[in-house]
């Protein structure tokens, strides 16, 4: 299921993803984040960003879920894919 986003929400979430990737030392034109009930995976361009510490994974997951929580159509039991391109 695709949840349509307005321009503000797209830009807001996209900049958060860019900030997360850059904070981990990775830059790229495309950033993809996948959240599943048991995993979180982050890619810049086609390179997987290693997330070695549970604290970092939990911080990213809670940040993104907090940002998405006001949006209708988000269900946490499903896989969430967020992609942005700069």
Protein backbone atom coordinates (compact mmCIF):
# COMPACT_ATOMS: atom_id res chain seq x y z
CA UNK A 1 0.00 0.00 0.00
CA UNK A 2 1.37 3.41 -0.94
CA UNK A 3 0.58 6.36 1.31
CA UNK A 4 0.55 9.58 -0.74
CA UNK A 5 2.45 12.48 0.81
CA UNK A 6 2.19 16.18 0.15
CA UNK A 7 5.27 18.19 -0.83
CA UNK A 8 6.02 19.36 2.73
CA UNK A 9 5.86 15.84 4.17
CA UNK A 10 7.99 14.42 1.34
CA UNK A 11 10.69 17.03 1.86
CA UNK A 12 10.56 16.73 5.65
CA UNK A 13 10.97 12.96 5.72
CA UNK A 14 13.55 13.07 2.92
CA UNK A 15 15.75 15.51 4.82
CA UNK A 16 15.50 13.35 7.93
CA UNK A 17 16.72 10.33 5.93
CA UNK A 18 19.59 12.35 4.48
CA UNK A 19 20.53 13.51 7.99
CA UNK A 20 20.47 9.96 9.34
CA UNK A 21 22.67 8.65 6.52
CA UNK A 22 25.13 11.52 6.78
CA UNK A 23 25.30 11.14 10.57
CA UNK A 24 26.44 7.57 9.96
CA UNK A 25 29.09 8.81 7.50
CA UNK A 26 27.33 7.92 4.24
CA UNK A 27 26.19 10.16 1.39
CA UNK A 28 24.25 9.31 -1.71
CA UNK A 29 21.70 10.60 -4.18
CA UNK A 30 19.18 7.89 -3.27
CA UNK A 31 18.43 6.84 0.26
CA UNK A 32 16.18 3.89 1.03
CA UNK A 33 15.03 2.82 4.47
CA UNK A 34 13.22 -0.45 5.11
CA UNK A 35 11.54 -1.12 8.43
CA UNK A 36 10.17 -4.57 9.12
CA UNK A 37 8.87 -5.93 12.42
CA UNK A 38 12.24 -7.60 13.05
CA UNK A 39 14.75 -5.54 11.02
CA UNK A 40 15.80 -2.10 9.84
CA UNK A 41 17.92 -1.66 6.71
CA UNK A 42 19.34 1.58 5.30
CA UNK A 43 20.89 2.06 1.83
CA UNK A 44 22.59 5.05 0.21
CA UNK A 45 22.52 4.62 -3.53
CA UNK A 46 23.08 0.85 -3.77
CA UNK A 47 25.28 0.48 -0.69
CA UNK A 48 23.93 -0.91 2.56
CA UNK A 49 24.81 1.25 5.55
CA UNK A 50 26.00 -0.95 8.39
CA UNK A 51 24.09 -0.34 11.60
CA UNK A 52 26.09 -2.22 14.18
CA UNK A 53 24.69 -0.96 17.45
CA UNK A 54 21.19 -1.71 18.69
CA UNK A 55 20.98 1.80 20.16
CA UNK A 56 21.48 3.35 16.71
CA UNK A 57 18.90 1.04 15.14
CA UNK A 58 16.37 1.82 17.89
CA UNK A 59 17.03 5.57 17.59
CA UNK A 60 16.47 5.53 13.82
CA UNK A 61 13.38 3.33 14.09
CA UNK A 62 11.75 5.41 16.83
CA UNK A 63 12.54 8.66 14.97
CA UNK A 64 10.97 7.47 11.73
CA UNK A 65 7.97 5.86 13.42
CA UNK A 66 7.40 9.08 15.36
CA UNK A 67 7.46 11.12 12.17
CA UNK A 68 5.12 8.71 10.40
CA UNK A 69 2.70 8.18 13.30
CA UNK A 70 0.34 11.07 12.37
CA UNK A 71 -0.07 9.73 8.82
CA UNK A 72 -3.15 7.70 7.98
CA UNK A 73 -2.57 4.28 6.48
CA UNK A 74 0.60 3.37 8.42
CA UNK A 75 0.45 -0.06 10.02
CA UNK A 76 3.46 -1.23 12.03
CA UNK A 77 2.96 -4.91 11.30
CA UNK A 78 3.71 -4.31 7.63
CA UNK A 79 6.98 -3.54 5.94
CA UNK A 80 7.61 0.19 5.56
CA UNK A 81 9.74 1.40 2.69
CA UNK A 82 10.80 5.03 2.47
CA UNK A 83 12.82 6.29 -0.48
CA UNK A 84 14.17 9.72 -1.23
CA UNK A 85 16.32 11.16 -3.99
CA UNK A 86 18.31 14.38 -3.81
